C-alpha cells in the first residue's frame, strides 16, 4: 500500500533574512482518505463479456473476490495500477479492484 506524504513548509523572512523554518509533515494511508470525495471525477461502467465482474481486494486475479457487479453498474474510480482500477464499492471508505479491460471509463453522473 502506498503512503501519501503531506507536508507544509513555512519560511519567515524579515528584511531579506530567513529567520525561521518550520516543516510539518504527516503520512496517511490512502484508506484514511474519504475515497468517495476523491473519486467524484471519473467512473467505470461494468462491461464484462462474462458477467458478473469480480471486484477484488487487490489489483490482480490472485486477490480474493469481495463482491460481484452486473453489467451496467457504475462505480467511482479512485486510482489505476497496472491496468486495474481501484473503485468505491461501499462509501465512504470501502474500495475494491476491477480489471480495466472489463469496464468502460466515463465521467461520473
Foldseek 3Di string as FASTA:
>chain_A
DDKDKDKDWDWDDDPRDTDDIDMDIDIDDPLVDFQVVQQQWKKWFFAAPDDFFFWFADADPVGDGDDTHHGRDMWGFRDDDPQKTWTADDPRRDTTITGNVRIDMDTDD
